[in-house]
Amino acid sequence: MGMSLPERVRLAVAALMHASGESQAGLAAALGVTQAQVSRRQSGAAAWSLADCEALAVHYGMDVLDFLAGPTRACEALPDVRRAGRRRPPVKGEVR
């Protein structure tokens, strides 16, 4: 049998954090939770809720179904501008 949904979500979050170069603290700040809460969810001591999954998908710029499909599909769906080291060059006059 394949991996469970909670495991798939934890692996997708870990893969997306790695691909985007984001830390647990950075993800926590984006989601409005503490780093300790992200750590507990990633260790399996607490579960990511469906609302969390939706917020994670929005944060990473993808459809929630791509996120829930697992780490491979989630990383394939990650927009290039979110990938570590693959930031597009600024357009003349653009402020980041």
N, C-alpha and C. Protein backbone atom coordinates (compact mmCIF):
# COMPACT_ATOMS: atom_id res chain seq x y z
N MET A 1 0.84 -1.19 0.00
CA MET A 1 0.00 0.00 0.00
C MET A 1 0.88 1.25 0.00
N GLY A 2 0.38 2.33 -0.58
CA GLY A 2 1.12 3.59 -0.65
C GLY A 2 1.17 4.29 0.69
N MET A 3 1.74 5.45 0.69
CA MET A 3 1.86 6.20 1.95
C MET A 3 0.51 6.79 2.35
N SER A 4 0.36 6.98 3.65
CA SER A 4 -0.86 7.56 4.19
C SER A 4 -0.93 9.04 3.82
N LEU A 5 -2.12 9.61 3.88
CA LEU A 5 -2.27 11.03 3.56
C LEU A 5 -1.45 11.92 4.51
N PRO A 6 -1.47 11.68 5.84
CA PRO A 6 -0.63 12.52 6.71
C PRO A 6 0.86 12.45 6.34
N GLU A 7 1.33 11.26 6.00
CA GLU A 7 2.73 11.12 5.60
C GLU A 7 2.99 11.84 4.28
N ARG A 8 2.06 11.72 3.33
CA ARG A 8 2.19 12.40 2.05
C ARG A 8 2.27 13.91 2.24
N VAL A 9 1.43 14.44 3.14
CA VAL A 9 1.45 15.89 3.40
C VAL A 9 2.78 16.30 4.03
N ARG A 10 3.24 15.55 5.04
CA ARG A 10 4.53 15.89 5.67
C ARG A 10 5.67 15.86 4.66
N LEU A 11 5.68 14.85 3.80
CA LEU A 11 6.74 14.75 2.79
C LEU A 11 6.63 15.87 1.75
N ALA A 12 5.40 16.23 1.39
CA ALA A 12 5.22 17.34 0.44
C ALA A 12 5.72 18.64 1.04
N VAL A 13 5.40 18.88 2.30
CA VAL A 13 5.87 20.11 2.96
C VAL A 13 7.40 20.12 3.01
N ALA A 14 8.00 19.01 3.41
CA ALA A 14 9.47 18.94 3.48
C ALA A 14 10.09 19.17 2.11
N ALA A 15 9.53 18.54 1.07
CA ALA A 15 10.07 18.70 -0.28
C ALA A 15 9.93 20.13 -0.77
N LEU A 16 8.79 20.75 -0.50
CA LEU A 16 8.57 22.13 -0.93
C LEU A 16 9.46 23.11 -0.17
N MET A 17 9.65 22.86 1.12
CA MET A 17 10.57 23.71 1.88
C MET A 17 11.98 23.61 1.30
N HIS A 18 12.40 22.39 0.98
CA HIS A 18 13.73 22.19 0.41
C HIS A 18 13.84 22.87 -0.96
N ALA A 19 12.86 22.64 -1.83
CA ALA A 19 12.89 23.19 -3.18
C ALA A 19 12.86 24.72 -3.19
N SER A 20 12.16 25.28 -2.21
CA SER A 20 12.03 26.75 -2.17
C SER A 20 13.10 27.41 -1.29
N GLY A 21 13.86 26.59 -0.55
CA GLY A 21 14.87 27.15 0.34
C GLY A 21 14.27 27.77 1.59
N GLU A 22 13.07 27.38 1.93
CA GLU A 22 12.36 27.97 3.06
C GLU A 22 12.62 27.19 4.35
N SER A 23 12.78 27.90 5.43
CA SER A 23 12.98 27.28 6.75
C SER A 23 11.63 27.06 7.43
N GLN A 24 11.64 26.27 8.49
CA GLN A 24 10.42 26.10 9.28
C GLN A 24 9.96 27.44 9.84
N ALA A 25 10.91 28.26 10.26
CA ALA A 25 10.55 29.58 10.81
C ALA A 25 9.90 30.45 9.74
N GLY A 26 10.43 30.42 8.53
CA GLY A 26 9.84 31.20 7.44
C GLY A 26 8.46 30.71 7.07
N LEU A 27 8.29 29.40 7.03
CA LEU A 27 6.97 28.83 6.73
C LEU A 27 5.99 29.18 7.83
N ALA A 28 6.43 29.08 9.07
CA ALA A 28 5.57 29.41 10.21
C ALA A 28 5.09 30.85 10.12
N ALA A 29 5.99 31.76 9.82
CA ALA A 29 5.62 33.18 9.72
C ALA A 29 4.59 33.38 8.60
N ALA A 30 4.78 32.71 7.49
CA ALA A 30 3.85 32.85 6.36
C ALA A 30 2.47 32.30 6.70
N LEU A 31 2.42 31.26 7.52
CA LEU A 31 1.15 30.63 7.87
C LEU A 31 0.51 31.23 9.13
N GLY A 32 1.26 32.06 9.84
CA GLY A 32 0.73 32.66 11.06
C GLY A 32 0.71 31.71 12.24
N VAL A 33 1.67 30.79 12.27
CA VAL A 33 1.81 29.86 13.39
C VAL A 33 3.24 29.96 13.90
N THR A 34 3.55 29.22 14.94
CA THR A 34 4.91 29.24 15.47
C THR A 34 5.77 28.18 14.78
N GLN A 35 7.07 28.37 14.88
CA GLN A 35 8.00 27.37 14.33
C GLN A 35 7.80 26.04 15.04
N ALA A 36 7.52 26.09 16.33
CA ALA A 36 7.29 24.85 17.09
C ALA A 36 6.06 24.10 16.56
N GLN A 37 5.03 24.83 16.15
CA GLN A 37 3.84 24.17 15.59
C GLN A 37 4.18 23.50 14.27
N VAL A 38 4.96 24.16 13.43
CA VAL A 38 5.39 23.55 12.18
C VAL A 38 6.23 22.30 12.47
N SER A 39 7.13 22.41 13.43
CA SER A 39 7.97 21.27 13.80
C SER A 39 7.15 20.08 14.27
N ARG A 40 6.16 20.33 15.12
CA ARG A 40 5.30 19.23 15.61
C ARG A 40 4.52 18.59 14.48
N ARG A 41 4.05 19.40 13.55
CA ARG A 41 3.30 18.85 12.41
C ARG A 41 4.23 18.06 11.50
N GLN A 42 5.43 18.54 11.30
CA GLN A 42 6.37 17.84 10.43
C GLN A 42 6.91 16.56 11.06
N SER A 43 6.95 16.50 12.38
CA SER A 43 7.43 15.28 13.05
C SER A 43 6.33 14.24 13.17
N GLY A 44 5.08 14.65 12.95
CA GLY A 44 3.96 13.73 13.08
C GLY A 44 3.33 13.76 14.46
N ALA A 45 3.87 14.59 15.37
CA ALA A 45 3.29 14.70 16.71
C ALA A 45 1.94 15.41 16.68
N ALA A 46 1.72 16.23 15.66
CA ALA A 46 0.44 16.91 15.42
C ALA A 46 0.15 16.78 13.93
N ALA A 47 -1.10 16.94 13.56
CA ALA A 47 -1.49 16.76 12.16
C ALA A 47 -1.69 18.10 11.46
N TRP A 48 -1.38 18.12 10.17
CA TRP A 48 -1.74 19.26 9.33
C TRP A 48 -3.23 19.12 9.05
N SER A 49 -4.01 20.17 9.27
CA SER A 49 -5.45 20.14 9.00
C SER A 49 -5.70 20.39 7.52
N LEU A 50 -6.94 20.18 7.11
CA LEU A 50 -7.30 20.50 5.72
C LEU A 50 -7.14 21.99 5.44
N ALA A 51 -7.48 22.81 6.43
CA ALA A 51 -7.29 24.26 6.27
C ALA A 51 -5.81 24.59 6.13
N ASP A 52 -4.96 23.89 6.88
CA ASP A 52 -3.51 24.08 6.75
C ASP A 52 -3.06 23.71 5.34
N CYS A 53 -3.57 22.59 4.83
CA CYS A 53 -3.19 22.13 3.49
C CYS A 53 -3.58 23.16 2.44
N GLU A 54 -4.74 23.73 2.59
CA GLU A 54 -5.17 24.77 1.65
C GLU A 54 -4.26 25.99 1.75
N ALA A 55 -3.92 26.39 2.98
CA ALA A 55 -3.03 27.54 3.17
C ALA A 55 -1.63 27.25 2.62
N LEU A 56 -1.16 26.03 2.79
CA LEU A 56 0.15 25.64 2.26
C LEU A 56 0.15 25.71 0.74
N ALA A 57 -0.91 25.20 0.12
CA ALA A 57 -1.00 25.22 -1.34
C ALA A 57 -1.01 26.66 -1.85
N VAL A 58 -1.77 27.52 -1.21
CA VAL A 58 -1.81 28.94 -1.61
C VAL A 58 -0.43 29.56 -1.42
N HIS A 59 0.19 29.28 -0.29
CA HIS A 59 1.52 29.83 0.00
C HIS A 59 2.53 29.45 -1.08
N TYR A 60 2.47 28.20 -1.51
CA TYR A 60 3.43 27.73 -2.51
C TYR A 60 2.95 27.95 -3.95
N GLY A 61 1.77 28.55 -4.12
CA GLY A 61 1.30 28.93 -5.44
C GLY A 61 0.82 27.78 -6.31
N MET A 62 0.10 26.85 -5.70
CA MET A 62 -0.37 25.69 -6.47
C MET A 62 -1.78 25.31 -6.05
N ASP A 63 -2.39 24.48 -6.85
CA ASP A 63 -3.71 23.93 -6.53
C ASP A 63 -3.56 22.95 -5.37
N VAL A 64 -4.53 22.93 -4.48
CA VAL A 64 -4.45 22.07 -3.32
C VAL A 64 -4.38 20.59 -3.71
N LEU A 65 -4.99 20.21 -4.83
CA LEU A 65 -4.93 18.81 -5.26
C LEU A 65 -3.51 18.42 -5.67
N ASP A 66 -2.76 19.33 -6.26
CA ASP A 66 -1.36 19.07 -6.58
C ASP A 66 -0.56 18.89 -5.29
N PHE A 67 -0.85 19.73 -4.31
CA PHE A 67 -0.16 19.64 -3.02
C PHE A 67 -0.45 18.29 -2.35
N LEU A 68 -1.72 17.90 -2.33
CA LEU A 68 -2.11 16.66 -1.66
C LEU A 68 -1.68 15.40 -2.40
N ALA A 69 -1.30 15.53 -3.67
CA ALA A 69 -0.88 14.37 -4.46
C ALA A 69 0.46 13.81 -4.00
N GLY A 70 1.18 14.55 -3.19
CA GLY A 70 2.45 14.05 -2.67
C GLY A 70 3.62 14.91 -3.09
N PRO A 71 4.80 14.56 -2.59
CA PRO A 71 5.97 15.42 -2.79
C PRO A 71 6.39 15.58 -4.24
N THR A 72 6.30 14.53 -5.04
CA THR A 72 6.74 14.63 -6.43
C THR A 72 5.85 15.60 -7.20
N ARG A 73 4.55 15.39 -7.12
CA ARG A 73 3.61 16.27 -7.85
C ARG A 73 3.67 17.69 -7.30
N ALA A 74 3.78 17.83 -6.00
CA ALA A 74 3.84 19.17 -5.41
C ALA A 74 5.06 19.93 -5.92
N CYS A 75 6.21 19.26 -5.99
CA CYS A 75 7.41 19.93 -6.48
C CYS A 75 7.31 20.24 -7.97
N GLU A 76 6.65 19.38 -8.72
CA GLU A 76 6.44 19.67 -10.14
C GLU A 76 5.55 20.89 -10.33
N ALA A 77 4.60 21.10 -9.41
CA ALA A 77 3.66 22.21 -9.50
C ALA A 77 4.21 23.51 -8.92
N LEU A 78 5.34 23.44 -8.22
CA LEU A 78 5.91 24.64 -7.60
C LEU A 78 6.35 25.62 -8.69
N PRO A 79 5.82 26.84 -8.67
CA PRO A 79 6.21 27.83 -9.69
C PRO A 79 7.71 28.12 -9.64
N ASP A 80 8.29 28.37 -10.80
CA ASP A 80 9.72 28.65 -10.88
C ASP A 80 10.14 29.81 -9.96
N VAL A 81 9.31 30.81 -9.84
CA VAL A 81 9.70 31.96 -9.00
C VAL A 81 9.79 31.60 -7.53
N ARG A 82 9.23 30.45 -7.13
CA ARG A 82 9.31 30.01 -5.74
C ARG A 82 10.51 29.09 -5.47
N ARG A 83 11.20 28.68 -6.53
CA ARG A 83 12.32 27.74 -6.38
C ARG A 83 13.57 28.47 -5.91
N ALA A 84 14.28 27.84 -4.99
CA ALA A 84 15.53 28.41 -4.48
C ALA A 84 16.52 28.53 -5.62
N GLY A 85 17.15 29.69 -5.72
CA GLY A 85 18.17 29.89 -6.73
C GLY A 85 17.63 30.09 -8.14
N ARG A 86 16.33 30.12 -8.29
CA ARG A 86 15.74 30.28 -9.63
C ARG A 86 14.86 31.52 -9.71
N ARG A 87 15.18 32.48 -8.93
CA ARG A 87 14.39 33.72 -8.96
C ARG A 87 14.64 34.42 -10.29
N ARG A 88 13.59 34.89 -10.88
CA ARG A 88 13.76 35.60 -12.14
C ARG A 88 14.44 36.93 -11.87
N PRO A 89 15.19 37.43 -12.82
CA PRO A 89 15.81 38.74 -12.63
C PRO A 89 14.75 39.83 -12.58
N PRO A 90 14.97 40.87 -11.82
CA PRO A 90 13.97 41.93 -11.73
C PRO A 90 13.80 42.63 -13.07
N VAL A 91 12.57 43.01 -13.32
CA VAL A 91 12.26 43.82 -14.51
C VAL A 91 12.65 45.24 -14.21
N LYS A 92 13.16 45.94 -15.21
CA LYS A 92 13.61 47.33 -15.00
C LYS A 92 12.52 48.15 -14.31
N GLY A 93 12.89 48.79 -13.23
CA GLY A 93 11.97 49.62 -12.49
C GLY A 93 11.13 48.87 -11.46
N GLU A 94 11.25 47.55 -11.41
CA GLU A 94 10.47 46.76 -10.46
C GLU A 94 11.10 46.85 -9.07
N VAL A 95 10.25 46.93 -8.08
CA VAL A 95 10.70 46.95 -6.69
C VAL A 95 10.26 45.63 -6.06
N ARG A 96 11.19 44.96 -5.39
CA ARG A 96 10.86 43.69 -4.74
C ARG A 96 10.90 43.83 -3.26
